[in-house]
Amino acid sequence: MSEEFPIQLELGKTIRTLLYSQLCNTTPYPTQSFAGQTVIVTGSNIGLGLEAARHFYRLNCTRLILGVRTISKGQTAKQDIVRSVQHRTDADAIEVWPLDLSNTDSTLSFANRVKHDLPRIDVLVENAGLGAQKWSVVEGFEQSIQVNVINTLLLALSLLPKLKDTAVKYPESSPHLVLVSSDALRMTKFKQINDPDIYQSLNIEKDFNGLEWYCISKLLDVLFVRELVDRVDFDRVVFDLVNPGMSRTAFTRDASAPARIADGIMRRIMGRSSEVGSRALVLGASAGPDSHGQFMNDGQNQWVAKWVDEDVGRRAQRKVFDQTMKILEMRSPGVGKAVGL
């Protein structure tokens, strides 16, 4: 029986691209000023998020919001950033706000606080993510799908009107919504796209594979964003997806011991430091309008996959978008209308 959405992997090209990026290329060091800007970075107490936040503070953003699950860890991260950036002494420019993307109430509370307490948002970097290796269901969805897709996109749509409002009220601003992605999205055949209900299929425990679900979560984000930018007028807001590459972070800290060891060896050989990986996030936050809706790697727009640009990809992104929006509307009725859908 033929599949409605036949997805052909390009493993050779994917591996060549990965190896070249990791071994032969270096993401440029960010130098563009963020003076006068308000920047939000989620998942910013550790790893890529912490290092990206450090860059934004170094580059003179006026207000920096660290969105973290644990306030005490966020405060420790703030202190570390302030100590490391010698030319600034205004520690009060950095604020630590609670945000748990596994919890919808927390996600919406964070969005509401942003809308009410911040006069503007110039940059929203959605870095918080999960590479779950153990099966767990949160609010009716497998946890990595809940965090990496549903509530990440819910936060994006909830704050898009504020970003658009910033573009209107502050003509000098070019607001950016940056979603941290991964080239792992090229490593899945995403068979669930052929099922009537994608998210129901991703909730079948016996089929669960942590790495596969992570790859799918990043692909879902890309397909959703591509369709969103086709349907909505972003009014000078740039929405891009960035790939930080393989970095030496604690991303697999919850994996089994053998998996952690294998991953650690690979990252030791090929991985970038968290600082180098974080540069992609900052470059995405200052990229030109040609990056809108694009997947970026090493600070440049990059191919996603051949099938994504073909008819099968366009049909897949419509299906993903429609099914995802139904969930987002249940969690926040009217969220689509507020962005112009």
Protein backbone atom coordinates (compact mmCIF):
# COMPACT_ATOMS: atom_id res chain seq x y z
CA MET A 1 0.00 0.00 0.00
CA SER A 2 1.50 3.32 -1.08
CA GLU A 3 1.98 6.09 1.45
CA GLU A 4 0.21 9.43 1.07
CA PHE A 5 3.36 11.19 2.24
CA PRO A 6 6.42 9.29 0.95
CA ILE A 7 9.49 10.81 2.59
CA GLN A 8 12.89 10.03 1.13
CA LEU A 9 15.86 10.52 3.44
CA GLU A 10 19.00 12.16 2.10
CA LEU A 11 21.41 10.53 4.51
CA GLY A 12 24.53 11.06 2.41
CA LYS A 13 23.94 14.78 1.99
CA THR A 14 22.89 15.11 5.63
CA ILE A 15 26.07 13.47 6.92
CA ARG A 16 28.29 15.48 4.56
CA THR A 17 26.62 18.71 5.64
CA LEU A 18 26.96 17.81 9.31
CA LEU A 19 30.62 16.86 9.04
CA TYR A 20 31.52 19.98 7.08
CA SER A 21 29.70 22.21 9.55
CA GLN A 22 31.17 20.55 12.63
CA LEU A 23 34.73 20.00 11.44
CA CYS A 24 35.41 22.59 8.75
CA ASN A 25 33.26 25.59 9.63
CA THR A 26 32.84 27.89 12.60
CA THR A 27 29.75 29.94 13.33
CA PRO A 28 30.74 33.63 13.20
CA TYR A 29 31.17 35.48 16.49
CA PRO A 30 28.18 37.85 16.98
CA THR A 31 29.04 41.55 16.97
CA GLN A 32 25.78 43.36 16.16
CA SER A 33 24.57 45.56 19.01
CA PHE A 34 21.25 44.93 20.73
CA ALA A 35 21.30 48.30 22.50
CA GLY A 36 17.83 49.55 23.35
CA GLN A 37 16.30 46.12 22.84
CA THR A 38 14.38 43.79 25.13
CA VAL A 39 15.42 40.16 24.70
CA ILE A 40 13.82 36.97 26.05
CA VAL A 41 15.68 33.66 26.10
CA THR A 42 13.93 30.51 27.30
CA GLY A 43 15.84 27.63 28.84
CA SER A 44 18.60 30.08 29.71
CA ASN A 45 20.10 28.77 32.93
CA ILE A 46 22.36 26.23 31.23
CA GLY A 47 24.00 25.31 27.93
CA LEU A 48 23.10 27.09 24.72
CA GLY A 49 20.48 29.32 26.34
CA LEU A 50 22.89 30.54 29.01
CA GLU A 51 25.60 31.31 26.48
CA ALA A 52 23.17 33.06 24.14
CA ALA A 53 21.92 35.18 27.05
CA ARG A 54 25.54 36.05 27.87
CA HIS A 55 26.05 37.23 24.28
CA PHE A 56 22.93 39.40 24.36
CA TYR A 57 24.06 41.03 27.61
CA ARG A 58 27.57 41.50 26.20
CA LEU A 59 26.04 43.12 23.12
CA ASN A 60 24.30 45.68 25.31
CA CYS A 61 20.64 44.68 25.23
CA THR A 62 18.69 46.99 27.54
CA ARG A 63 16.56 44.31 29.19
CA LEU A 64 17.16 40.57 29.28
CA ILE A 65 14.56 38.08 30.51
CA LEU A 66 15.75 34.59 31.45
CA GLY A 67 12.80 32.19 31.20
CA VAL A 68 13.65 29.17 33.38
CA ARG A 69 11.95 26.31 35.18
CA THR A 70 13.84 26.82 38.44
CA ILE A 71 14.27 30.39 39.68
CA SER A 72 17.29 29.59 41.87
CA LYS A 73 19.15 28.15 38.87
CA GLY A 74 18.19 31.20 36.86
CA GLN A 75 19.58 33.48 39.55
CA THR A 76 22.85 31.52 39.50
CA ALA A 77 22.97 31.92 35.72
CA LYS A 78 22.34 35.66 36.05
CA GLN A 79 25.21 36.03 38.50
CA ASP A 80 27.50 34.09 36.17
CA ILE A 81 26.59 36.33 33.22
CA VAL A 82 27.12 39.54 35.18
CA ARG A 83 30.52 38.36 36.48
CA SER A 84 31.70 37.43 32.99
CA VAL A 85 30.72 40.64 31.16
CA GLN A 86 33.22 43.16 32.50
CA HIS A 87 32.05 46.29 30.69
CA ARG A 88 28.58 46.24 32.26
CA THR A 89 27.62 46.74 35.89
CA ASP A 90 23.83 46.96 35.55
CA ALA A 91 22.83 43.56 36.92
CA ASP A 92 19.23 44.77 37.20
CA ALA A 93 19.04 44.67 33.39
CA ILE A 94 18.69 40.88 33.74
CA GLU A 95 15.47 39.43 35.17
CA VAL A 96 14.66 35.81 35.96
CA TRP A 97 11.08 34.71 35.24
CA PRO A 98 9.53 31.25 35.79
CA LEU A 99 8.63 29.25 32.68
CA ASP A 100 7.91 25.53 32.46
CA LEU A 101 6.98 24.52 28.93
CA SER A 102 5.77 21.13 30.12
CA ASN A 103 2.92 23.00 31.81
CA THR A 104 0.38 24.96 29.76
CA ASP A 105 -0.67 27.22 32.65
CA SER A 106 2.97 28.19 33.19
CA THR A 107 3.43 28.85 29.48
CA LEU A 108 0.37 31.07 29.23
CA SER A 109 1.16 32.84 32.52
CA PHE A 110 4.62 33.68 31.19
CA ALA A 111 3.12 34.98 27.94
CA ASN A 112 0.58 37.10 29.83
CA ARG A 113 3.29 38.55 32.06
CA VAL A 114 5.34 39.47 29.01
CA LYS A 115 2.35 41.17 27.39
CA HIS A 116 1.47 43.15 30.51
CA ASP A 117 4.89 43.93 32.01
CA LEU A 118 7.14 44.55 28.99
CA PRO A 119 6.59 47.64 26.83
CA ARG A 120 8.30 45.87 23.92
CA ILE A 121 9.85 42.59 22.75
CA ASP A 122 12.60 42.88 20.19
CA VAL A 123 13.85 39.29 20.41
CA LEU A 124 12.22 36.07 21.59
CA VAL A 125 14.58 33.09 21.49
CA GLU A 126 12.76 29.82 22.12
CA ASN A 127 15.63 27.63 23.19
CA ALA A 128 14.04 25.48 25.92
CA GLY A 129 13.69 21.91 24.72
CA LEU A 130 13.75 18.28 25.72
CA GLY A 131 15.38 15.13 24.37
CA ALA A 132 13.39 12.61 26.38
CA GLN A 133 14.73 9.06 26.41
CA LYS A 134 12.05 7.64 28.69
CA TRP A 135 8.34 7.44 27.98
CA SER A 136 6.25 9.96 29.88
CA VAL A 137 2.92 11.65 29.14
CA VAL A 138 2.27 15.25 30.19
CA GLU A 139 -1.16 16.82 29.81
CA GLY A 140 -2.12 14.08 27.37
CA PHE A 141 0.98 14.18 25.14
CA GLU A 142 4.39 12.51 25.10
CA GLN A 143 6.66 14.91 26.97
CA SER A 144 9.08 15.86 24.19
CA ILE A 145 6.15 16.62 21.86
CA GLN A 146 4.51 18.62 24.65
CA VAL A 147 7.62 20.73 25.29
CA ASN A 148 9.36 20.95 21.90
CA VAL A 149 6.26 21.39 19.78
CA ILE A 150 2.92 22.17 21.39
CA ASN A 151 3.85 24.64 24.12
CA THR A 152 6.82 26.04 22.23
CA LEU A 153 4.47 26.97 19.38
CA LEU A 154 1.80 28.11 21.84
CA LEU A 155 4.28 30.57 23.35
CA ALA A 156 5.33 31.75 19.90
CA LEU A 157 1.77 32.46 18.77
CA SER A 158 0.84 34.01 22.13
CA LEU A 159 3.68 36.55 21.86
CA LEU A 160 3.61 37.18 18.11
CA PRO A 161 1.07 40.04 18.51
CA LYS A 162 3.43 41.71 21.01
CA LEU A 163 6.32 41.37 18.56
CA LYS A 164 4.19 42.87 15.79
CA ASP A 165 3.13 45.69 18.10
CA THR A 166 6.80 46.41 18.84
CA ALA A 167 7.49 46.73 15.12
CA VAL A 168 4.72 49.33 14.85
CA LYS A 169 5.54 51.37 17.97
CA TYR A 170 9.32 51.27 17.57
CA PRO A 171 10.14 51.71 13.86
CA GLU A 172 13.87 51.30 14.56
CA SER A 173 13.23 47.76 15.78
CA SER A 174 13.20 44.65 13.62
CA PRO A 175 11.64 42.10 16.01
CA HIS A 176 12.81 38.51 15.73
CA LEU A 177 11.23 35.26 16.85
CA VAL A 178 13.92 32.59 16.90
CA LEU A 179 13.09 28.91 17.36
CA VAL A 180 16.01 26.58 18.09
CA SER A 181 15.89 23.65 15.70
CA SER A 182 18.24 20.81 14.76
CA ASP A 183 19.54 19.06 11.66
CA ALA A 184 18.24 15.91 13.37
CA LEU A 185 14.95 16.67 11.59
CA ARG A 186 16.51 15.19 8.45
CA MET A 187 16.98 11.82 10.15
CA THR A 188 13.35 10.67 10.35
CA LYS A 189 10.95 9.23 7.78
CA PHE A 190 8.11 10.57 9.96
CA LYS A 191 5.75 7.68 9.24
CA GLN A 192 3.12 9.17 11.58
CA ILE A 193 2.35 11.85 8.98
CA ASN A 194 0.48 9.12 7.06
CA ASP A 195 -1.89 8.42 9.98
CA PRO A 196 -5.21 10.23 10.35
CA ASP A 197 -4.18 11.82 13.67
CA ILE A 198 -0.45 12.59 13.90
CA TYR A 199 -0.43 13.40 17.60
CA GLN A 200 -2.45 10.33 18.54
CA SER A 201 0.12 8.20 16.73
CA LEU A 202 2.91 9.90 18.68
CA ASN A 203 1.14 8.89 21.89
CA ILE A 204 1.59 5.15 21.38
CA GLU A 205 4.05 3.99 24.00
CA LYS A 206 5.09 0.74 22.29
CA ASP A 207 6.27 2.72 19.24
CA PHE A 208 8.26 5.24 21.26
CA ASN A 209 11.93 5.85 20.51
CA GLY A 210 13.48 8.86 22.21
CA LEU A 211 15.80 9.87 19.39
CA GLU A 212 13.13 9.36 16.74
CA TRP A 213 10.59 11.43 18.69
CA TYR A 214 13.16 14.21 19.11
CA CYS A 215 13.81 14.26 15.35
CA ILE A 216 10.07 14.32 14.67
CA SER A 217 9.52 17.15 17.15
CA LYS A 218 12.02 19.34 15.31
CA LEU A 219 10.50 18.46 11.94
CA LEU A 220 7.02 19.32 13.22
CA ASP A 221 8.27 22.76 14.23
CA VAL A 222 9.76 23.43 10.80
CA LEU A 223 6.66 22.28 8.92
CA PHE A 224 4.39 24.36 11.17
CA VAL A 225 6.49 27.51 10.83
CA ARG A 226 6.71 27.18 7.04
CA GLU A 227 2.93 27.03 6.80
CA LEU A 228 2.47 29.82 9.34
CA VAL A 229 4.62 32.27 7.40
CA ASP A 230 2.64 31.42 4.25
CA ARG A 231 -0.65 32.27 5.96
CA VAL A 232 0.14 35.24 8.22
CA ASP A 233 1.38 38.77 7.59
CA PHE A 234 4.23 39.17 10.07
CA ASP A 235 4.47 42.96 9.68
CA ARG A 236 8.30 43.15 9.70
CA VAL A 237 8.70 40.47 12.37
CA VAL A 238 11.27 37.87 11.29
CA PHE A 239 10.57 34.28 12.36
CA ASP A 240 13.51 31.97 11.72
CA LEU A 241 14.68 28.55 12.88
CA VAL A 242 18.30 28.05 13.84
CA ASN A 243 20.47 24.97 14.09
CA PRO A 244 23.21 25.32 16.73
CA GLY A 245 24.88 22.12 15.57
CA MET A 246 26.18 19.35 17.78
CA SER A 247 27.33 21.06 20.96
CA ARG A 248 28.88 19.84 24.19
CA THR A 249 25.87 20.40 26.42
CA ALA A 250 23.99 18.42 29.07
CA PHE A 251 21.18 17.72 26.62
CA THR A 252 21.28 13.90 27.12
CA ARG A 253 21.65 14.05 30.90
CA ASP A 254 18.44 12.03 31.36
CA ALA A 255 19.44 9.24 28.97
CA SER A 256 20.63 5.80 30.04
CA ALA A 257 24.28 5.43 31.04
CA PRO A 258 25.33 3.69 27.77
CA ALA A 259 23.55 6.33 25.71
CA ARG A 260 25.17 9.16 27.69
CA ILE A 261 28.61 7.61 27.26
CA ALA A 262 28.19 7.10 23.50
CA ASP A 263 26.78 10.59 23.06
CA GLY A 264 29.55 12.06 25.20
CA ILE A 265 32.26 10.42 23.10
CA MET A 266 30.72 11.68 19.86
CA ARG A 267 30.32 15.20 21.20
CA ARG A 268 33.88 15.15 22.53
CA ILE A 269 35.18 14.31 19.06
CA MET A 270 32.86 16.46 16.93
CA GLY A 271 30.98 18.73 19.29
CA ARG A 272 31.19 22.49 19.60
CA SER A 273 31.38 24.34 22.88
CA SER A 274 28.10 25.72 24.17
CA GLU A 275 29.40 29.21 23.41
CA VAL A 276 30.06 28.43 19.75
CA GLY A 277 26.72 26.65 19.40
CA SER A 278 24.91 29.59 20.99
CA ARG A 279 26.20 31.96 18.35
CA ALA A 280 23.60 30.58 15.94
CA LEU A 281 20.82 31.76 18.27
CA VAL A 282 22.21 35.29 18.42
CA LEU A 283 22.84 35.47 14.68
CA GLY A 284 19.27 34.31 14.10
CA ALA A 285 18.10 37.21 16.28
CA SER A 286 19.83 39.72 14.01
CA ALA A 287 19.37 38.03 10.63
CA GLY A 288 17.93 39.94 7.70
CA PRO A 289 14.39 39.60 6.35
CA ASP A 290 15.57 36.97 3.86
CA SER A 291 15.81 34.53 6.79
CA HIS A 292 12.06 34.78 7.51
CA GLY A 293 10.61 31.26 7.62
CA GLN A 294 14.02 29.78 6.88
CA PHE A 295 16.18 27.13 8.52
CA MET A 296 19.58 28.59 9.41
CA ASN A 297 22.90 26.88 10.05
CA ASP A 298 26.20 28.61 10.90
CA GLY A 299 24.44 31.95 10.53
CA GLN A 300 23.28 31.27 6.95
CA ASN A 301 20.05 30.04 5.38
CA GLN A 302 20.29 26.33 4.60
CA TRP A 303 18.29 23.61 2.87
CA VAL A 304 15.90 21.59 5.02
CA ALA A 305 15.23 18.54 2.85
CA LYS A 306 14.39 18.06 -0.81
CA TRP A 307 10.98 16.55 -0.06
CA VAL A 308 10.01 19.54 2.11
CA ASP A 309 10.19 21.83 -0.94
CA GLU A 310 8.13 19.46 -3.10
CA ASP A 311 4.37 18.88 -3.24
CA VAL A 312 4.59 16.21 -0.53
CA GLY A 313 6.19 18.76 1.80
CA ARG A 314 3.58 21.40 1.14
CA ARG A 315 0.80 18.91 1.82
CA ALA A 316 2.57 17.67 4.95
CA GLN A 317 3.00 21.15 6.38
CA ARG A 318 -0.69 21.91 5.86
CA LYS A 319 -1.70 18.74 7.69
CA VAL A 320 0.73 19.40 10.54
CA PHE A 321 -0.41 22.99 10.80
CA ASP A 322 -4.13 22.20 10.87
CA GLN A 323 -3.80 19.44 13.47
CA THR A 324 -1.45 21.48 15.64
CA MET A 325 -3.69 24.55 15.56
CA LYS A 326 -6.61 22.50 16.85
CA ILE A 327 -4.57 21.67 19.95
CA LEU A 328 -3.33 25.23 20.39
CA GLU A 329 -6.85 26.61 20.10
CA MET A 330 -8.05 24.23 22.81
CA ARG A 331 -5.29 25.49 25.09
CA SER A 332 -5.77 29.17 24.27
CA PRO A 333 -9.02 29.89 22.42
CA GLY A 334 -8.58 32.70 19.89
CA VAL A 335 -4.79 32.38 19.68
CA GLY A 336 -5.03 31.95 15.90
CA LYS A 337 -7.33 34.90 15.33
CA ALA A 338 -5.01 37.12 17.40
CA VAL A 339 -2.18 36.57 14.89
CA GLY A 340 -4.36 36.97 11.82
CA LEU A 341 -5.37 33.40 11.00
